[in-house]
Amino acid sequence: MDFKRKIALSVALILFLTVILSVTFRKEIKAGLFLIQIIPNNPIKPLNLITPRPVVSQVIYKSDEGEDIYADLWLPRKKGNFPGVVLHLGVDIDKDDTRSQQLASAMARSGFAVLVPNINSLHKRRLLESSKNELISSLQFLIAEKNVNPEKTGFVAFCASGGLAAVAAADSAIREKTSFLVLINPYYDLSNIYSAISTHKILDGEKEVDWEPHFKTVEIYNREAINLLSSESERELLLKKLVPADPEKLAKRNFDKLTSEEFETLSTQAQNTYLALTARNKSEVVRYYDQRSMEQENFRKSLSPGTHITDVKAKTFLISDKNNVYIPFTEAKLLNESLKESTFLETRLIPSGEFNQDLDWIDYPKELLKIVQFIAKFFGSTN
């Protein structure tokens, strides 16, 4: 059965259940219509038929560092105070991306005020402390808007942005103001990411499984580790070798090796960084990564949700997709295990923003209904 027919059957099932259950299960109906609205390449857009087009305005506000943050604010076309969402889909996906706009529109049609910021560093494929700070500034801006319910405001964030949103929500500046976190494939600890990138393996419980990262993941995390070295010449050399422009080289880790002469000229910190990023087995990664510089360790601590998770007060909703190529699916599971209470969903349906085309047709309705139930719980928490 071809992919389009699988989706059509799944949508038909959801529509059928929507009609049958509409009297009793209002949250589920709302969630089902929302999900149908955002299914990629699906021509059926039910919310377009029953809700008016959202009001979209461009806004500019400042980060704590004084940087301009450009964002789109999406509001339902009706009066009221709406639950607020800071929405970010991840590295290199800005407010003008079709995926951002489709999701923001669907959320606004579902009754949310949605702020979609361009996080400056993420737009440049950088993962920095300023990324977290700009997310904090975005939530503060949204809470101050007159059409927003400040008691029902939080983040919906994907992949690297999901990890950063968790760290932001733990910050004292917004800890008590963040009502919810919806995190899709977030990372838990940056040390796990480096190990997975180097070895192409992850630990799911006690079982080691293969994992093939997207080239952007290798590019971003290699770059940040190298940029924390103090010597400009060492940074330039390692960036040239370990952050090549060729996506295939990045994905397969086919890096140009340093000559022995080049390696000997490096400082101990730069040598350990090079060895950690080019290691092939976990013991080597751990051995060299354990000798990381103070700057690299501070980077790991400051931007890893695992370091800050006990400070998160928000109600948390987590999705782990087993086929995701940007962040290992095990990271969301670790985050879930570290929380006292959360709503957790494991799925095989949305590996990288597009629906998985390799499932058996009977699995599509099952997976879609699991997601509907997850969305309904979130929608219910914002009422």
Protein backbone atom coordinates (compact mmCIF):
# COMPACT_ATOMS: atom_id res chain seq x y z
CA MET A 1 0.00 0.00 0.00
CA ASP A 2 1.47 3.37 -0.99
CA PHE A 3 2.20 6.10 1.56
CA LYS A 4 -0.58 8.47 0.46
CA ARG A 5 -3.18 5.75 0.82
CA LYS A 6 -1.89 4.88 4.29
CA ILE A 7 -2.31 8.48 5.36
CA ALA A 8 -5.73 8.72 3.72
CA LEU A 9 -6.96 5.66 5.60
CA SER A 10 -5.56 6.99 8.86
CA VAL A 11 -7.21 10.38 8.35
CA ALA A 12 -10.50 8.68 7.46
CA LEU A 13 -10.33 6.67 10.69
CA ILE A 14 -9.66 9.75 12.78
CA LEU A 15 -12.54 11.62 11.10
CA PHE A 16 -14.86 8.67 11.72
CA LEU A 17 -13.91 8.52 15.40
CA THR A 18 -14.24 12.29 15.59
CA VAL A 19 -17.88 12.08 14.54
CA ILE A 20 -18.70 9.09 16.76
CA LEU A 21 -17.04 10.44 19.90
CA SER A 22 -17.69 14.17 19.53
CA VAL A 23 -20.44 14.30 22.14
CA THR A 24 -18.33 12.97 25.01
CA PHE A 25 -14.68 13.49 24.20
CA ARG A 26 -14.30 17.16 23.28
CA LYS A 27 -10.55 17.36 23.99
CA GLU A 28 -9.90 14.29 21.83
CA ILE A 29 -11.92 15.79 18.99
CA LYS A 30 -10.01 19.04 19.17
CA ALA A 31 -6.75 17.09 19.22
CA GLY A 32 -7.78 14.91 16.29
CA LEU A 33 -8.68 17.89 14.12
CA PHE A 34 -5.40 19.56 15.07
CA LEU A 35 -3.40 16.48 14.12
CA ILE A 36 -5.14 16.13 10.76
CA GLN A 37 -4.39 19.82 10.14
CA ILE A 38 -0.62 19.38 10.60
CA ILE A 39 -0.06 16.06 8.82
CA PRO A 40 2.57 16.77 6.13
CA ASN A 41 1.38 16.64 2.51
CA ASN A 42 -2.22 16.12 3.64
CA PRO A 43 -4.71 18.21 1.61
CA ILE A 44 -7.43 17.83 4.26
CA LYS A 45 -7.31 20.90 6.54
CA PRO A 46 -10.41 20.72 8.75
CA LEU A 47 -9.51 23.70 10.93
CA ASN A 48 -9.49 25.90 7.82
CA LEU A 49 -13.17 25.09 7.36
CA ILE A 50 -14.37 25.71 10.91
CA THR A 51 -12.07 28.48 12.23
CA PRO A 52 -11.14 31.92 10.89
CA ARG A 53 -7.64 32.71 9.66
CA PRO A 54 -5.38 33.69 12.59
CA VAL A 55 -4.11 37.24 13.05
CA VAL A 56 -0.35 37.37 12.43
CA SER A 57 1.87 40.29 13.37
CA GLN A 58 5.62 40.78 13.22
CA VAL A 59 7.18 41.83 16.52
CA ILE A 60 10.66 42.81 17.68
CA TYR A 61 11.95 42.67 21.25
CA LYS A 62 15.30 42.61 23.01
CA SER A 63 17.22 39.78 24.62
CA ASP A 64 19.02 40.32 27.91
CA GLU A 65 22.20 40.81 25.87
CA GLY A 66 20.53 43.63 23.92
CA GLU A 67 20.15 41.65 20.69
CA ASP A 68 17.05 42.19 18.57
CA ILE A 69 14.79 39.14 18.37
CA TYR A 70 12.45 39.05 15.38
CA ALA A 71 9.30 36.98 15.80
CA ASP A 72 5.81 36.36 14.48
CA LEU A 73 2.89 36.49 16.89
CA TRP A 74 -0.09 34.35 15.88
CA LEU A 75 -3.43 35.03 17.61
CA PRO A 76 -6.89 33.50 17.22
CA ARG A 77 -9.21 35.86 15.38
CA LYS A 78 -11.48 36.40 18.38
CA LYS A 79 -11.45 38.20 21.71
CA GLY A 80 -10.06 36.58 24.83
CA ASN A 81 -7.01 35.74 26.88
CA PHE A 82 -5.38 32.71 25.33
CA PRO A 83 -2.85 30.17 26.60
CA GLY A 84 0.52 31.20 25.20
CA VAL A 85 3.10 29.09 23.37
CA VAL A 86 6.68 29.94 22.46
CA LEU A 87 7.18 27.66 19.46
CA HIS A 88 10.56 26.66 18.04
CA LEU A 89 11.16 23.74 15.69
CA GLY A 90 14.92 23.48 16.06
CA VAL A 91 18.24 24.46 14.57
CA ASP A 92 18.11 26.31 11.25
CA ILE A 93 14.28 26.48 11.21
CA ASP A 94 13.07 30.05 11.53
CA LYS A 95 9.68 31.76 11.66
CA ASP A 96 9.38 31.93 7.87
CA ASP A 97 9.82 28.20 7.42
CA THR A 98 6.64 26.57 6.10
CA ARG A 99 6.71 23.99 8.90
CA SER A 100 6.81 26.69 11.57
CA GLN A 101 3.97 28.59 9.95
CA GLN A 102 1.76 25.53 9.52
CA LEU A 103 2.16 24.47 13.13
CA ALA A 104 1.73 28.01 14.46
CA SER A 105 -1.42 28.47 12.37
CA ALA A 106 -2.91 25.19 13.60
CA MET A 107 -2.20 26.09 17.21
CA ALA A 108 -3.69 29.57 16.81
CA ARG A 109 -6.78 28.07 15.18
CA SER A 110 -6.97 25.75 18.21
CA GLY A 111 -7.07 28.69 20.62
CA PHE A 112 -3.44 29.45 21.45
CA ALA A 113 -1.43 32.65 21.21
CA VAL A 114 1.76 31.50 19.48
CA LEU A 115 5.09 33.34 19.38
CA VAL A 116 7.55 32.02 16.80
CA PRO A 117 10.93 33.68 17.38
CA ASN A 118 14.05 33.64 15.26
CA ILE A 119 16.62 32.56 17.83
CA ASN A 120 19.74 34.20 16.44
CA SER A 121 22.32 31.54 17.27
CA LEU A 122 20.11 28.60 16.29
CA HIS A 123 19.45 30.28 12.94
CA LYS A 124 23.22 30.19 12.39
CA ARG A 125 23.47 26.53 13.46
CA ARG A 126 25.03 27.44 16.78
CA LEU A 127 24.14 26.09 20.23
CA LEU A 128 25.04 28.79 22.75
CA GLU A 129 24.11 30.19 26.15
CA SER A 130 22.49 33.06 24.25
CA SER A 131 20.10 30.53 22.66
CA LYS A 132 18.66 29.73 26.07
CA ASN A 133 18.58 33.39 27.07
CA GLU A 134 16.64 34.35 23.94
CA LEU A 135 14.07 31.66 24.70
CA ILE A 136 13.70 33.15 28.19
CA SER A 137 13.25 36.63 26.72
CA SER A 138 10.66 35.23 24.30
CA LEU A 139 8.54 33.75 27.07
CA GLN A 140 8.77 36.99 29.06
CA PHE A 141 7.64 38.96 26.02
CA LEU A 142 4.71 36.62 25.39
CA ILE A 143 3.52 36.69 29.00
CA ALA A 144 3.37 40.51 28.85
CA GLU A 145 1.05 40.50 25.82
CA LYS A 146 -2.50 41.64 26.65
CA ASN A 147 -4.20 38.73 24.83
CA VAL A 148 -2.21 36.07 26.68
CA ASN A 149 -3.10 34.23 29.89
CA PRO A 150 0.13 34.46 31.94
CA GLU A 151 -0.93 31.48 34.05
CA LYS A 152 -1.06 29.19 31.00
CA THR A 153 2.11 29.91 29.04
CA GLY A 154 5.03 27.70 28.08
CA PHE A 155 7.15 26.15 25.33
CA VAL A 156 6.58 23.76 22.44
CA ALA A 157 10.03 22.90 21.11
CA PHE A 158 11.75 20.27 18.98
CA CYS A 159 15.15 18.55 19.16
CA ALA A 160 17.97 20.93 20.21
CA SER A 161 15.41 23.65 20.91
CA GLY A 162 13.60 21.19 23.16
CA GLY A 163 16.70 20.68 25.29
CA LEU A 164 17.29 24.42 25.45
CA ALA A 165 13.64 25.08 26.38
CA ALA A 166 13.98 22.67 29.32
CA VAL A 167 17.08 24.51 30.51
CA ALA A 168 15.31 27.86 30.04
CA ALA A 169 12.27 26.67 32.01
CA ALA A 170 14.56 25.79 34.94
CA ASP A 171 16.03 29.30 35.05
CA SER A 172 14.96 31.43 38.00
CA ALA A 173 13.87 34.22 35.61
CA ILE A 174 10.89 32.20 34.33
CA ARG A 175 10.80 29.06 36.49
CA GLU A 176 7.58 30.04 38.25
CA LYS A 177 6.06 31.50 35.08
CA THR A 178 6.44 28.50 32.78
CA SER A 179 3.21 26.54 32.96
CA PHE A 180 4.08 23.73 30.54
CA LEU A 181 6.79 22.19 28.40
CA VAL A 182 6.02 20.18 25.28
CA LEU A 183 9.32 18.74 24.09
CA ILE A 184 9.63 16.60 20.96
CA ASN A 185 12.89 14.63 20.77
CA PRO A 186 14.84 16.87 23.17
CA TYR A 187 18.37 16.08 24.29
CA TYR A 188 19.09 15.25 27.94
CA ASP A 189 22.87 15.52 28.34
CA LEU A 190 25.36 16.84 25.80
CA SER A 191 27.91 14.19 26.75
CA ASN A 192 25.47 11.55 25.46
CA ILE A 193 25.18 13.40 22.16
CA TYR A 194 28.95 13.44 21.66
CA SER A 195 29.18 9.74 22.43
CA ALA A 196 26.36 8.92 19.99
CA ILE A 197 27.87 11.06 17.22
CA SER A 198 31.28 9.43 17.57
CA THR A 199 30.23 5.81 17.97
CA HIS A 200 26.96 5.81 15.97
CA LYS A 201 25.51 3.82 18.86
CA ILE A 202 23.16 4.61 21.75
CA LEU A 203 22.16 2.78 24.91
CA ASP A 204 18.45 1.98 25.22
CA GLY A 205 18.22 0.65 28.75
CA GLU A 206 20.87 -2.08 28.75
CA LYS A 207 20.69 -2.68 25.01
CA GLU A 208 23.11 -1.00 22.61
CA VAL A 209 21.52 -0.05 19.29
CA ASP A 210 22.81 1.58 16.10
CA TRP A 211 22.05 5.25 15.46
CA GLU A 212 22.94 7.24 12.33
CA PRO A 213 23.00 11.02 13.00
CA HIS A 214 22.02 13.70 10.51
CA PHE A 215 24.97 15.68 9.20
CA LYS A 216 23.68 18.86 10.86
CA THR A 217 23.91 17.19 14.26
CA VAL A 218 27.56 16.28 13.69
CA GLU A 219 28.32 19.75 12.34
CA ILE A 220 26.73 21.66 15.22
CA TYR A 221 28.08 19.70 18.16
CA ASN A 222 31.59 19.31 16.71
CA ARG A 223 31.70 23.06 16.06
CA GLU A 224 30.71 23.96 19.61
CA ALA A 225 33.28 21.65 21.21
CA ILE A 226 36.04 23.08 19.01
CA ASN A 227 35.00 26.72 19.44
CA LEU A 228 35.54 26.42 23.20
CA LEU A 229 39.29 25.99 22.69
CA SER A 230 41.29 29.09 23.60
CA SER A 231 43.70 29.10 20.63
CA GLU A 232 42.36 30.62 17.41
CA SER A 233 44.83 28.71 15.24
CA GLU A 234 43.82 25.41 16.86
CA ARG A 235 40.17 26.22 16.36
CA GLU A 236 40.74 27.00 12.68
CA LEU A 237 42.67 23.76 12.12
CA LEU A 238 40.16 21.49 13.86
CA LEU A 239 37.16 23.18 12.30
CA LYS A 240 38.70 22.63 8.88
CA LYS A 241 39.22 18.94 9.64
CA LEU A 242 36.14 18.06 11.71
CA VAL A 243 33.47 20.42 10.36
CA PRO A 244 33.82 19.94 6.60
CA ALA A 245 31.38 21.52 4.18
CA ASP A 246 30.48 18.14 2.66
CA PRO A 247 27.28 16.79 4.31
CA GLU A 248 28.15 13.18 3.44
CA LYS A 249 31.54 13.45 5.10
CA LEU A 250 29.88 14.85 8.21
CA ALA A 251 27.18 12.19 8.37
CA LYS A 252 29.65 9.32 7.86
CA ARG A 253 32.40 10.99 9.91
CA ASN A 254 34.85 10.69 7.01
CA PHE A 255 37.08 13.44 8.38
CA ASP A 256 40.44 14.43 6.99
CA LYS A 257 42.96 13.24 9.56
CA LEU A 258 45.60 15.42 11.14
CA THR A 259 49.15 14.62 10.21
CA SER A 260 51.38 13.56 13.09
CA GLU A 261 53.15 16.91 12.83
CA GLU A 262 49.86 18.81 13.05
CA PHE A 263 48.73 16.72 16.02
CA GLU A 264 51.98 17.29 17.93
CA THR A 265 51.66 21.07 17.61
CA LEU A 266 48.31 21.04 19.42
CA SER A 267 47.82 21.77 23.10
CA THR A 268 46.71 18.92 25.34
CA GLN A 269 43.15 20.27 25.37
CA ALA A 270 43.02 20.45 21.58
CA GLN A 271 44.50 16.95 21.26
CA ASN A 272 41.87 15.51 23.61
CA THR A 273 39.12 17.32 21.71
CA TYR A 274 40.35 15.92 18.41
CA LEU A 275 40.66 12.39 19.81
CA ALA A 276 37.21 12.50 21.43
CA LEU A 277 35.52 13.71 18.24
CA THR A 278 37.25 11.11 16.05
CA ALA A 279 37.03 8.13 18.43
CA ARG A 280 35.05 5.12 17.22
CA ASN A 281 34.24 3.26 20.42
CA LYS A 282 32.63 4.44 23.63
CA SER A 283 35.56 3.74 25.94
CA GLU A 284 37.79 6.01 23.85
CA VAL A 285 35.14 8.73 23.71
CA VAL A 286 34.72 8.60 27.48
CA ARG A 287 38.48 8.56 28.09
CA TYR A 288 39.14 11.67 26.03
CA TYR A 289 35.88 13.44 26.80
CA ASP A 290 36.59 13.06 30.52
CA GLN A 291 39.68 15.20 29.93
CA ARG A 292 37.68 18.07 28.45
CA SER A 293 38.57 21.62 29.36
CA MET A 294 36.82 23.62 32.05
CA GLU A 295 35.15 25.69 29.32
CA GLN A 296 33.84 22.53 27.62
CA GLU A 297 32.56 21.14 30.92
CA ASN A 298 30.84 24.42 31.79
CA PHE A 299 29.22 24.36 28.36
CA ARG A 300 27.93 20.82 28.98
CA LYS A 301 26.57 21.67 32.42
CA SER A 302 24.98 24.97 31.50
CA LEU A 303 23.08 23.67 28.45
CA SER A 304 22.22 20.10 29.53
CA PRO A 305 18.67 19.64 30.89
CA GLY A 306 19.93 16.81 33.08
CA THR A 307 21.88 19.34 35.14
CA HIS A 308 18.85 21.55 35.78
CA ILE A 309 15.83 19.27 35.62
CA THR A 310 15.11 19.35 39.36
CA ASP A 311 14.45 23.09 39.04
CA VAL A 312 11.73 22.67 36.40
CA LYS A 313 8.27 23.46 37.80
CA ALA A 314 6.32 23.21 34.53
CA LYS A 315 3.99 20.38 33.62
CA THR A 316 6.01 18.41 31.08
CA PHE A 317 4.95 16.51 27.95
CA LEU A 318 7.58 14.48 26.08
CA ILE A 319 7.64 12.73 22.72
CA SER A 320 10.40 10.29 21.78
CA ASP A 321 10.51 9.14 18.17
CA LYS A 322 12.55 5.99 17.71
CA ASN A 323 13.59 6.96 14.17
CA ASN A 324 14.78 10.49 14.85
CA VAL A 325 18.12 11.34 13.22
CA TYR A 326 18.79 14.67 14.93
CA ILE A 327 18.70 13.60 18.57
CA PRO A 328 18.81 9.99 19.84
CA PHE A 329 15.34 8.88 20.94
CA THR A 330 16.83 7.66 24.23
CA GLU A 331 17.46 11.25 25.34
CA ALA A 332 13.74 11.99 25.79
CA LYS A 333 13.41 8.73 27.71
CA LEU A 334 16.21 9.77 30.07
CA LEU A 335 14.56 13.15 30.57
CA ASN A 336 11.28 11.42 31.33
CA GLU A 337 12.93 9.14 33.88
CA SER A 338 14.48 12.11 35.66
CA LEU A 339 11.13 13.86 36.15
CA LYS A 340 8.82 13.18 39.07
CA GLU A 341 5.80 13.49 36.82
CA SER A 342 5.36 13.85 33.06
CA THR A 343 3.28 12.70 30.09
CA PHE A 344 5.45 10.57 27.83
CA LEU A 345 4.87 9.15 24.37
CA GLU A 346 7.17 6.88 22.37
CA THR A 347 6.34 6.66 18.68
CA ARG A 348 7.83 5.64 15.33
CA LEU A 349 5.88 8.12 13.25
CA ILE A 350 7.75 11.45 13.11
CA PRO A 351 11.49 10.83 12.71
CA SER A 352 12.43 14.27 11.38
CA GLY A 353 9.32 16.36 10.97
CA GLU A 354 7.99 14.12 8.20
CA PHE A 355 5.90 11.01 8.72
CA ASN A 356 7.66 7.66 8.56
CA GLN A 357 6.78 5.99 5.26
CA ASP A 358 8.06 2.53 6.21
CA LEU A 359 5.40 1.48 8.74
CA ASP A 360 2.84 -1.19 7.94
CA TRP A 361 -0.47 0.43 7.02
CA ILE A 362 -2.20 -0.91 10.13
CA ASP A 363 0.36 0.88 12.34
CA TYR A 364 -0.52 4.36 11.08
CA PRO A 365 -3.93 4.58 12.78
CA LYS A 366 -2.45 3.14 15.98
CA GLU A 367 0.37 5.66 16.06
CA LEU A 368 -1.90 8.56 15.10
CA LEU A 369 -4.40 7.72 17.83
CA LYS A 370 -1.58 7.58 20.41
CA ILE A 371 -0.55 11.06 19.32
CA VAL A 372 -4.15 12.29 19.48
CA GLN A 373 -4.38 11.12 23.09
CA PHE A 374 -1.09 12.87 23.89
CA ILE A 375 -2.24 16.14 22.29
CA ALA A 376 -5.59 15.90 24.09
CA LYS A 377 -3.81 15.69 27.46
CA PHE A 378 -1.82 18.79 26.62
CA PHE A 379 -4.88 20.69 25.39
CA GLY A 380 -6.71 19.68 28.56
CA SER A 381 -3.93 21.06 30.75
CA THR A 382 -4.26 24.52 29.19
CA ASN A 383 -8.02 24.88 29.68
